[in-house]
Amino acid sequence: MSVHAAAPALRVTQARVLRSEWTKLWSLRSTTWTLLTAVALMTGIGAILSAVSAAQHHSLGASFSPVTASLAGTSFAVIAFGVLGVLMMSGEYGTGMVRSTLTVVPRRLPVLWAKLATFAVTTFTASFAASLASFWIGQALLAGHHLGVPITAPGAFRSVLGAALYITVAGLLGVALGALLRATAAGVAAFAGAFFVVPPLAVLLPGSIGTHLATYLPSNAGSALWGGTTGAHTLGPWAGFAVLCGYAVVLIAAAAWRLANSDA
């Protein structure tokens, strides 16, 4: 009889898979650079637009929103976060690492849930910090001409929080596209098409069809939460965010189905 007791086998739990995915995410140099790029885009473009608005304060109309001006970089930062989301899944398929991951986690779906959770926490934290910085910098630039507003102004904090929520859910769409399409080029192209190509093309449709269709596209619906879309056919802030979340739920469900039912 052996004097050495057998080592207990480690069970695969969601917490352990989550820890593994967190380690993988932050072991990649691209994660840090992508986040820094996104933050720079968000704060930089917001500062530029705020400075230009301050310089042209005499020509600003009644529709000018100092909050929206300072958060204008959100529309550009979402590109970087969307690409990072796609890479979280497609990168493993491109290198073949996904086979090792799914061998260790044979039930598969815990991997997707862990990637989504890791991405959501990381993205929301970074984008909310960038959103706050963009707001404060923008209002400081506008204050010289008495155009700035405090964060306690009606809708100001909701817009700051909304920019972070919009970026986070949009990025989750990227994760789902990466899992669904399993190729970085295809995932990035699909994300860019949905957010930057289809919306301007939709409004070219005849009559009011294009206008109504554009209202419910992911980018326009989600942007209503932080003031990125305006007009008679714009959805309410939380209604638009609900539409964006609906897209995310559908794509994540499709990605989960494919991950569970097809070979890596």
C-alpha atoms as a PDB file:
ATOM      1  CA  MET A   1       0.000   0.000   0.000  1.00  0.00           C
ATOM      2  CA  SER A   2       1.373   3.381  -1.054  1.00  0.00           C
ATOM      3  CA  VAL A   3       2.205   5.783   1.708  1.00  0.00           C
ATOM      4  CA  HIS A   4       1.483   8.683  -0.611  1.00  0.00           C
ATOM      5  CA  ALA A   5      -2.143   9.773  -0.770  1.00  0.00           C
ATOM      6  CA  ALA A   6      -3.441  10.499  -4.231  1.00  0.00           C
ATOM      7  CA  ALA A   7      -3.687  14.231  -4.997  1.00  0.00           C
ATOM      8  CA  PRO A   8      -7.297  15.353  -5.235  1.00  0.00           C
ATOM      9  CA  ALA A   9      -8.404  16.190  -8.770  1.00  0.00           C
ATOM     10  CA  LEU A  10      -9.263  19.832  -9.314  1.00  0.00           C
ATOM     11  CA  ARG A  11     -12.803  20.395 -10.490  1.00  0.00           C
ATOM     12  CA  VAL A  12     -13.546  22.797 -13.332  1.00  0.00           C
ATOM     13  CA  THR A  13     -15.717  25.508 -11.821  1.00  0.00           C
ATOM     14  CA  GLN A  14     -16.995  28.779 -13.255  1.00  0.00           C
ATOM     15  CA  ALA A  15     -14.867  30.718 -10.773  1.00  0.00           C
ATOM     16  CA  ARG A  16     -11.695  28.945 -11.911  1.00  0.00           C
ATOM     17  CA  VAL A  17     -12.539  29.449 -15.569  1.00  0.00           C
ATOM     18  CA  LEU A  18     -13.181  33.114 -14.832  1.00  0.00           C
ATOM     19  CA  ARG A  19      -9.789  33.447 -13.138  1.00  0.00           C
ATOM     20  CA  SER A  20      -8.138  31.748 -16.100  1.00  0.00           C
ATOM     21  CA  GLU A  21      -9.769  34.084 -18.620  1.00  0.00           C
ATOM     22  CA  TRP A  22      -8.847  37.124 -16.547  1.00  0.00           C
ATOM     23  CA  THR A  23      -5.212  35.988 -16.569  1.00  0.00           C
ATOM     24  CA  LYS A  24      -5.297  35.356 -20.328  1.00  0.00           C
ATOM     25  CA  LEU A  25      -6.813  38.763 -21.055  1.00  0.00           C
ATOM     26  CA  TRP A  26      -4.186  40.684 -19.095  1.00  0.00           C
ATOM     27  CA  SER A  27      -1.272  38.573 -20.309  1.00  0.00           C
ATOM     28  CA  LEU A  28      -1.780  39.987 -23.810  1.00  0.00           C
ATOM     29  CA  ARG A  29       0.058  43.201 -24.614  1.00  0.00           C
ATOM     30  CA  SER A  30      -2.710  44.124 -27.056  1.00  0.00           C
ATOM     31  CA  THR A  31      -5.209  44.467 -24.192  1.00  0.00           C
ATOM     32  CA  THR A  32      -3.318  47.323 -22.562  1.00  0.00           C
ATOM     33  CA  TRP A  33      -2.635  49.091 -25.841  1.00  0.00           C
ATOM     34  CA  THR A  34      -6.234  48.764 -27.023  1.00  0.00           C
ATOM     35  CA  LEU A  35      -7.578  50.158 -23.764  1.00  0.00           C
ATOM     36  CA  LEU A  36      -5.102  53.045 -23.832  1.00  0.00           C
ATOM     37  CA  THR A  37      -6.072  53.800 -27.438  1.00  0.00           C
ATOM     38  CA  ALA A  38      -9.764  53.766 -26.575  1.00  0.00           C
ATOM     39  CA  VAL A  39      -9.297  56.066 -23.581  1.00  0.00           C
ATOM     40  CA  ALA A  40      -7.147  58.436 -25.647  1.00  0.00           C
ATOM     41  CA  LEU A  41      -9.761  58.546 -28.410  1.00  0.00           C
ATOM     42  CA  MET A  42     -12.581  59.154 -25.977  1.00  0.00           C
ATOM     43  CA  THR A  43     -10.938  61.933 -23.996  1.00  0.00           C
ATOM     44  CA  GLY A  44      -9.013  63.458 -26.890  1.00  0.00           C
ATOM     45  CA  ILE A  45     -11.868  63.805 -29.363  1.00  0.00           C
ATOM     46  CA  GLY A  46     -14.200  65.076 -26.642  1.00  0.00           C
ATOM     47  CA  ALA A  47     -11.619  67.696 -25.655  1.00  0.00           C
ATOM     48  CA  ILE A  48     -11.086  68.776 -29.263  1.00  0.00           C
ATOM     49  CA  LEU A  49     -14.791  69.167 -29.974  1.00  0.00           C
ATOM     50  CA  SER A  50     -15.326  71.025 -26.692  1.00  0.00           C
ATOM     51  CA  ALA A  51     -12.426  73.383 -27.478  1.00  0.00           C
ATOM     52  CA  VAL A  52     -13.748  74.045 -30.985  1.00  0.00           C
ATOM     53  CA  SER A  53     -17.252  74.673 -29.601  1.00  0.00           C
ATOM     54  CA  ALA A  54     -15.835  77.102 -27.052  1.00  0.00           C
ATOM     55  CA  ALA A  55     -13.961  78.964 -29.790  1.00  0.00           C
ATOM     56  CA  GLN A  56     -17.144  79.195 -31.877  1.00  0.00           C
ATOM     57  CA  HIS A  57     -19.492  79.932 -28.993  1.00  0.00           C
ATOM     58  CA  HIS A  58     -21.105  82.877 -30.799  1.00  0.00           C
ATOM     59  CA  SER A  59     -22.416  80.631 -33.569  1.00  0.00           C
ATOM     60  CA  LEU A  60     -23.745  77.808 -31.391  1.00  0.00           C
ATOM     61  CA  GLY A  61     -27.473  77.194 -31.661  1.00  0.00           C
ATOM     62  CA  ALA A  62     -30.003  76.370 -28.998  1.00  0.00           C
ATOM     63  CA  SER A  63     -29.594  72.670 -29.731  1.00  0.00           C
ATOM     64  CA  PHE A  64     -25.958  72.646 -28.562  1.00  0.00           C
ATOM     65  CA  SER A  65     -25.381  70.193 -25.723  1.00  0.00           C
ATOM     66  CA  PRO A  66     -22.191  70.685 -23.682  1.00  0.00           C
ATOM     67  CA  VAL A  67     -22.520  67.163 -22.264  1.00  0.00           C
ATOM     68  CA  THR A  68     -22.803  65.517 -25.681  1.00  0.00           C
ATOM     69  CA  ALA A  69     -19.904  67.595 -27.005  1.00  0.00           C
ATOM     70  CA  SER A  70     -17.600  66.428 -24.224  1.00  0.00           C
ATOM     71  CA  LEU A  71     -18.618  62.780 -24.774  1.00  0.00           C
ATOM     72  CA  ALA A  72     -18.296  62.861 -28.578  1.00  0.00           C
ATOM     73  CA  GLY A  73     -15.270  60.570 -28.418  1.00  0.00           C
ATOM     74  CA  THR A  74     -17.568  57.731 -27.374  1.00  0.00           C
ATOM     75  CA  SER A  75     -18.498  57.097 -31.010  1.00  0.00           C
ATOM     76  CA  PHE A  76     -14.831  56.523 -31.852  1.00  0.00           C
ATOM     77  CA  ALA A  77     -13.750  54.698 -28.690  1.00  0.00           C
ATOM     78  CA  VAL A  78     -16.375  52.033 -29.366  1.00  0.00           C
ATOM     79  CA  ILE A  79     -14.293  50.923 -32.354  1.00  0.00           C
ATOM     80  CA  ALA A  80     -11.335  49.984 -30.174  1.00  0.00           C
ATOM     81  CA  PHE A  81     -13.483  48.248 -27.564  1.00  0.00           C
ATOM     82  CA  GLY A  82     -15.390  46.381 -30.274  1.00  0.00           C
ATOM     83  CA  VAL A  83     -12.152  45.116 -31.819  1.00  0.00           C
ATOM     84  CA  LEU A  84     -10.916  44.011 -28.391  1.00  0.00           C
ATOM     85  CA  GLY A  85     -14.180  42.128 -27.900  1.00  0.00           C
ATOM     86  CA  VAL A  86     -13.834  40.314 -31.225  1.00  0.00           C
ATOM     87  CA  LEU A  87     -10.215  39.404 -30.451  1.00  0.00           C
ATOM     88  CA  MET A  88     -11.138  37.817 -27.119  1.00  0.00           C
ATOM     89  CA  MET A  89     -12.699  34.908 -29.006  1.00  0.00           C
ATOM     90  CA  SER A  90     -11.334  35.048 -32.548  1.00  0.00           C
ATOM     91  CA  GLY A  91      -7.736  35.347 -31.298  1.00  0.00           C
ATOM     92  CA  GLU A  92      -7.906  31.891 -29.718  1.00  0.00           C
ATOM     93  CA  TYR A  93      -9.398  30.402 -32.869  1.00  0.00           C
ATOM     94  CA  GLY A  94      -6.664  32.030 -34.956  1.00  0.00           C
ATOM     95  CA  THR A  95      -3.827  30.601 -32.837  1.00  0.00           C
ATOM     96  CA  GLY A  96      -5.487  27.246 -32.188  1.00  0.00           C
ATOM     97  CA  MET A  97      -5.379  27.819 -28.418  1.00  0.00           C
ATOM     98  CA  VAL A  98      -9.127  27.331 -28.283  1.00  0.00           C
ATOM     99  CA  ARG A  99      -8.611  23.559 -28.592  1.00  0.00           C
ATOM    100  CA  SER A 100      -6.580  23.510 -25.394  1.00  0.00           C
ATOM    101  CA  THR A 101      -9.099  25.759 -23.657  1.00  0.00           C
ATOM    102  CA  LEU A 102     -12.040  23.540 -24.591  1.00  0.00           C
ATOM    103  CA  THR A 103     -10.126  20.395 -23.666  1.00  0.00           C
ATOM    104  CA  VAL A 104      -9.672  21.745 -20.160  1.00  0.00           C
ATOM    105  CA  VAL A 105     -13.280  23.021 -20.051  1.00  0.00           C
ATOM    106  CA  PRO A 106     -15.199  20.369 -22.022  1.00  0.00           C
ATOM    107  CA  ARG A 107     -18.609  21.857 -21.186  1.00  0.00           C
ATOM    108  CA  ARG A 108     -17.520  24.866 -23.295  1.00  0.00           C
ATOM    109  CA  LEU A 109     -20.143  27.421 -22.294  1.00  0.00           C
ATOM    110  CA  PRO A 110     -18.376  28.392 -19.035  1.00  0.00           C
ATOM    111  CA  VAL A 111     -15.566  29.698 -21.257  1.00  0.00           C
ATOM    112  CA  LEU A 112     -17.943  32.039 -23.074  1.00  0.00           C
ATOM    113  CA  TRP A 113     -19.555  33.251 -19.842  1.00  0.00           C
ATOM    114  CA  ALA A 114     -16.129  33.893 -18.327  1.00  0.00           C
ATOM    115  CA  LYS A 115     -14.942  35.840 -21.372  1.00  0.00           C
ATOM    116  CA  LEU A 116     -18.107  37.935 -21.395  1.00  0.00           C
ATOM    117  CA  ALA A 117     -17.848  38.700 -17.675  1.00  0.00           C
ATOM    118  CA  THR A 118     -14.142  39.513 -17.853  1.00  0.00           C
ATOM    119  CA  PHE A 119     -14.641  41.769 -20.841  1.00  0.00           C
ATOM    120  CA  ALA A 120     -17.659  43.531 -19.308  1.00  0.00           C
ATOM    121  CA  VAL A 121     -15.865  44.356 -16.046  1.00  0.00           C
ATOM    122  CA  THR A 122     -12.695  45.539 -17.789  1.00  0.00           C
ATOM    123  CA  THR A 123     -14.503  47.587 -20.416  1.00  0.00           C
ATOM    124  CA  PHE A 124     -16.997  49.223 -18.094  1.00  0.00           C
ATOM    125  CA  THR A 125     -14.284  50.223 -15.633  1.00  0.00           C
ATOM    126  CA  ALA A 126     -12.052  51.735 -18.331  1.00  0.00           C
ATOM    127  CA  SER A 127     -14.858  53.412 -20.277  1.00  0.00           C
ATOM    128  CA  PHE A 128     -16.528  54.880 -17.193  1.00  0.00           C
ATOM    129  CA  ALA A 129     -13.226  56.385 -16.061  1.00  0.00           C
ATOM    130  CA  ALA A 130     -12.670  57.753 -19.573  1.00  0.00           C
ATOM    131  CA  SER A 131     -16.230  59.057 -19.710  1.00  0.00           C
ATOM    132  CA  LEU A 132     -15.809  60.937 -16.432  1.00  0.00           C
ATOM    133  CA  ALA A 133     -12.480  62.360 -17.601  1.00  0.00           C
ATOM    134  CA  SER A 134     -13.996  63.409 -20.925  1.00  0.00           C
ATOM    135  CA  PHE A 135     -16.843  65.172 -19.153  1.00  0.00           C
ATOM    136  CA  TRP A 136     -14.631  67.091 -16.727  1.00  0.00           C
ATOM    137  CA  ILE A 137     -12.125  68.106 -19.413  1.00  0.00           C
ATOM    138  CA  GLY A 138     -14.870  69.160 -21.796  1.00  0.00           C
ATOM    139  CA  GLN A 139     -16.731  71.209 -19.217  1.00  0.00           C
ATOM    140  CA  ALA A 140     -13.499  72.883 -18.116  1.00  0.00           C
ATOM    141  CA  LEU A 141     -12.847  73.949 -21.717  1.00  0.00           C
ATOM    142  CA  LEU A 142     -16.412  75.204 -22.142  1.00  0.00           C
ATOM    143  CA  ALA A 143     -16.556  76.979 -18.788  1.00  0.00           C
ATOM    144  CA  GLY A 144     -14.565  79.954 -20.068  1.00  0.00           C
ATOM    145  CA  HIS A 145     -17.571  80.981 -22.148  1.00  0.00           C
ATOM    146  CA  HIS A 146     -20.130  79.945 -19.540  1.00  0.00           C
ATOM    147  CA  LEU A 147     -21.173  76.912 -21.580  1.00  0.00           C
ATOM    148  CA  GLY A 148     -20.124  74.220 -19.133  1.00  0.00           C
ATOM    149  CA  VAL A 149     -22.535  72.412 -16.826  1.00  0.00           C
ATOM    150  CA  PRO A 150     -21.988  70.482 -13.560  1.00  0.00           C
ATOM    151  CA  ILE A 151     -22.402  66.737 -13.432  1.00  0.00           C
ATOM    152  CA  THR A 152     -25.516  67.322 -11.321  1.00  0.00           C
ATOM    153  CA  ALA A 153     -27.235  69.020 -14.278  1.00  0.00           C
ATOM    154  CA  PRO A 154     -30.307  67.183 -15.628  1.00  0.00           C
ATOM    155  CA  GLY A 155     -29.207  64.202 -17.697  1.00  0.00           C
ATOM    156  CA  ALA A 156     -25.470  64.847 -17.234  1.00  0.00           C
ATOM    157  CA  PHE A 157     -24.581  61.898 -14.999  1.00  0.00           C
ATOM    158  CA  ARG A 158     -26.947  59.634 -16.937  1.00  0.00           C
ATOM    159  CA  SER A 159     -25.063  60.531 -20.119  1.00  0.00           C
ATOM    160  CA  VAL A 160     -21.673  59.903 -18.502  1.00  0.00           C
ATOM    161  CA  LEU A 161     -22.826  56.537 -17.171  1.00  0.00           C
ATOM    162  CA  GLY A 162     -24.678  55.861 -20.421  1.00  0.00           C
ATOM    163  CA  ALA A 163     -21.537  56.294 -22.518  1.00  0.00           C
ATOM    164  CA  ALA A 164     -19.825  53.573 -20.481  1.00  0.00           C
ATOM    165  CA  LEU A 165     -22.847  51.270 -20.654  1.00  0.00           C
ATOM    166  CA  TYR A 166     -23.142  51.802 -24.406  1.00  0.00           C
ATOM    167  CA  ILE A 167     -19.481  50.975 -24.994  1.00  0.00           C
ATOM    168  CA  THR A 168     -19.654  47.908 -22.727  1.00  0.00           C
ATOM    169  CA  VAL A 169     -22.689  46.347 -24.404  1.00  0.00           C
ATOM    170  CA  ALA A 170     -21.407  47.245 -27.869  1.00  0.00           C
ATOM    171  CA  GLY A 171     -18.143  45.510 -26.975  1.00  0.00           C
ATOM    172  CA  LEU A 172     -20.068  42.439 -25.833  1.00  0.00           C
ATOM    173  CA  LEU A 173     -21.527  42.325 -29.337  1.00  0.00           C
ATOM    174  CA  GLY A 174     -17.922  42.128 -30.521  1.00  0.00           C
ATOM    175  CA  VAL A 175     -17.217  39.171 -28.215  1.00  0.00           C
ATOM    176  CA  ALA A 176     -20.320  37.410 -29.541  1.00  0.00           C
ATOM    177  CA  LEU A 177     -19.314  38.085 -33.147  1.00  0.00           C
ATOM    178  CA  GLY A 178     -15.846  36.709 -32.456  1.00  0.00           C
ATOM    179  CA  ALA A 179     -17.353  33.514 -31.035  1.00  0.00           C
ATOM    180  CA  LEU A 180     -19.903  33.226 -33.816  1.00  0.00           C
ATOM    181  CA  LEU A 181     -17.669  33.952 -36.830  1.00  0.00           C
ATOM    182  CA  ARG A 182     -14.379  32.655 -35.332  1.00  0.00           C
ATOM    183  CA  ALA A 183     -12.247  34.884 -37.569  1.00  0.00           C
ATOM    184  CA  THR A 184     -10.861  38.283 -36.598  1.00  0.00           C
ATOM    185  CA  ALA A 185     -11.284  39.894 -40.023  1.00  0.00           C
ATOM    186  CA  ALA A 186     -14.879  38.718 -40.355  1.00  0.00           C
ATOM    187  CA  GLY A 187     -15.775  39.725 -36.798  1.00  0.00           C
ATOM    188  CA  VAL A 188     -14.249  43.198 -37.063  1.00  0.00           C
ATOM    189  CA  ALA A 189     -15.852  43.739 -40.483  1.00  0.00           C
ATOM    190  CA  ALA A 190     -19.263  42.710 -39.144  1.00  0.00           C
ATOM    191  CA  PHE A 191     -18.910  44.965 -36.111  1.00  0.00           C
ATOM    192  CA  ALA A 192     -17.745  47.956 -38.160  1.00  0.00           C
ATOM    193  CA  GLY A 193     -20.487  47.362 -40.704  1.00  0.00           C
ATOM    194  CA  ALA A 194     -23.221  47.244 -38.081  1.00  0.00           C
ATOM    195  CA  PHE A 195     -22.031  50.380 -36.275  1.00  0.00           C
ATOM    196  CA  PHE A 196     -20.538  52.559 -39.008  1.00  0.00           C
ATOM    197  CA  VAL A 197     -21.605  51.410 -42.481  1.00  0.00           C
ATOM    198  CA  VAL A 198     -25.232  50.312 -42.247  1.00  0.00           C
ATOM    199  CA  PRO A 199     -26.591  53.390 -40.324  1.00  0.00           C
ATOM    200  CA  PRO A 200     -25.729  55.997 -43.004  1.00  0.00           C
ATOM    201  CA  LEU A 201     -26.882  53.636 -45.743  1.00  0.00           C
ATOM    202  CA  ALA A 202     -30.197  52.978 -44.000  1.00  0.00           C
ATOM    203  CA  VAL A 203     -31.275  56.625 -44.165  1.00  0.00           C
ATOM    204  CA  LEU A 204     -30.915  56.502 -47.951  1.00  0.00           C
ATOM    205  CA  LEU A 205     -33.870  54.131 -48.243  1.00  0.00           C
ATOM    206  CA  PRO A 206     -36.959  55.753 -49.784  1.00  0.00           C
ATOM    207  CA  GLY A 207     -39.622  57.538 -47.758  1.00  0.00           C
ATOM    208  CA  SER A 208     -39.685  57.151 -44.008  1.00  0.00           C
ATOM    209  CA  ILE A 209     -38.544  53.521 -44.134  1.00  0.00           C
ATOM    210  CA  GLY A 210     -34.879  54.398 -43.787  1.00  0.00           C
ATOM    211  CA  THR A 211     -35.451  56.855 -40.951  1.00  0.00           C
ATOM    212  CA  HIS A 212     -37.441  54.372 -38.903  1.00  0.00           C
ATOM    213  CA  LEU A 213     -35.019  51.528 -39.640  1.00  0.00           C
ATOM    214  CA  ALA A 214     -32.007  53.621 -38.640  1.00  0.00           C
ATOM    215  CA  THR A 215     -33.640  54.398 -35.298  1.00  0.00           C
ATOM    216  CA  TYR A 216     -33.498  50.743 -34.278  1.00  0.00           C
ATOM    217  CA  LEU A 217     -29.972  49.968 -35.457  1.00  0.00           C
ATOM    218  CA  PRO A 218     -27.507  49.117 -32.648  1.00  0.00           C
ATOM    219  CA  SER A 219     -25.409  52.282 -32.860  1.00  0.00           C
ATOM    220  CA  ASN A 220     -28.303  54.743 -33.063  1.00  0.00           C
ATOM    221  CA  ALA A 221     -30.416  52.992 -30.450  1.00  0.00           C
ATOM    222  CA  GLY A 222     -27.561  52.685 -27.959  1.00  0.00           C
ATOM    223  CA  SER A 223     -26.259  56.220 -28.539  1.00  0.00           C
ATOM    224  CA  ALA A 224     -29.559  57.638 -27.320  1.00  0.00           C
ATOM    225  CA  LEU A 225     -28.414  56.803 -23.786  1.00  0.00           C
ATOM    226  CA  TRP A 226     -25.574  59.349 -23.869  1.00  0.00           C
ATOM    227  CA  GLY A 227     -26.952  61.865 -26.362  1.00  0.00           C
ATOM    228  CA  GLY A 228     -25.147  60.654 -29.460  1.00  0.00           C
ATOM    229  CA  THR A 229     -28.345  60.631 -31.520  1.00  0.00           C
ATOM    230  CA  THR A 230     -30.980  63.328 -31.721  1.00  0.00           C
ATOM    231  CA  GLY A 231     -34.056  63.986 -33.813  1.00  0.00           C
ATOM    232  CA  ALA A 232     -37.758  63.380 -33.989  1.00  0.00           C
ATOM    233  CA  HIS A 233     -37.373  59.618 -34.400  1.00  0.00           C
ATOM    234  CA  THR A 234     -34.771  59.063 -31.689  1.00  0.00           C
ATOM    235  CA  LEU A 235     -35.660  56.489 -29.042  1.00  0.00           C
ATOM    236  CA  GLY A 236     -35.693  57.437 -25.379  1.00  0.00           C
ATOM    237  CA  PRO A 237     -32.399  56.866 -23.537  1.00  0.00           C
ATOM    238  CA  TRP A 238     -33.348  53.664 -21.729  1.00  0.00           C
ATOM    239  CA  ALA A 239     -35.564  52.372 -24.543  1.00  0.00           C
ATOM    240  CA  GLY A 240     -32.631  52.705 -26.932  1.00  0.00           C
ATOM    241  CA  PHE A 241     -30.331  50.945 -24.486  1.00  0.00           C
ATOM    242  CA  ALA A 242     -32.873  48.124 -24.161  1.00  0.00           C
ATOM    243  CA  VAL A 243     -32.824  47.680 -27.946  1.00  0.00           C
ATOM    244  CA  LEU A 244     -29.013  47.504 -27.917  1.00  0.00           C
ATOM    245  CA  CYS A 245     -29.149  44.920 -25.109  1.00  0.00           C
ATOM    246  CA  GLY A 246     -31.643  42.944 -27.184  1.00  0.00           C
ATOM    247  CA  TYR A 247     -29.132  42.703 -30.029  1.00  0.00           C
ATOM    248  CA  ALA A 248     -26.491  41.553 -27.540  1.00  0.00           C
ATOM    249  CA  VAL A 249     -28.745  38.840 -26.082  1.00  0.00           C
ATOM    250  CA  VAL A 250     -29.605  37.465 -29.530  1.00  0.00           C
ATOM    251  CA  LEU A 251     -25.981  37.390 -30.722  1.00  0.00           C
ATOM    252  CA  ILE A 252     -24.688  35.901 -27.471  1.00  0.00           C
ATOM    253  CA  ALA A 253     -27.358  33.190 -27.648  1.00  0.00           C
ATOM    254  CA  ALA A 254     -26.338  32.388 -31.232  1.00  0.00           C
ATOM    255  CA  ALA A 255     -22.660  32.300 -30.244  1.00  0.00           C
ATOM    256  CA  ALA A 256     -23.426  30.019 -27.293  1.00  0.00           C
ATOM    257  CA  TRP A 257     -25.387  27.652 -29.526  1.00  0.00           C
ATOM    258  CA  ARG A 258     -22.569  27.414 -32.043  1.00  0.00           C
ATOM    259  CA  LEU A 259     -19.916  26.954 -29.379  1.00  0.00           C
ATOM    260  CA  ALA A 260     -21.884  24.143 -27.759  1.00  0.00           C
ATOM    261  CA  ASN A 261     -22.895  22.370 -30.956  1.00  0.00           C
ATOM    262  CA  SER A 262     -19.983  22.608 -33.381  1.00  0.00           C
ATOM    263  CA  ASP A 263     -16.329  21.649 -33.430  1.00  0.00           C
ATOM    264  CA  ALA A 264     -13.696  24.187 -32.423  1.00  0.00           C
END
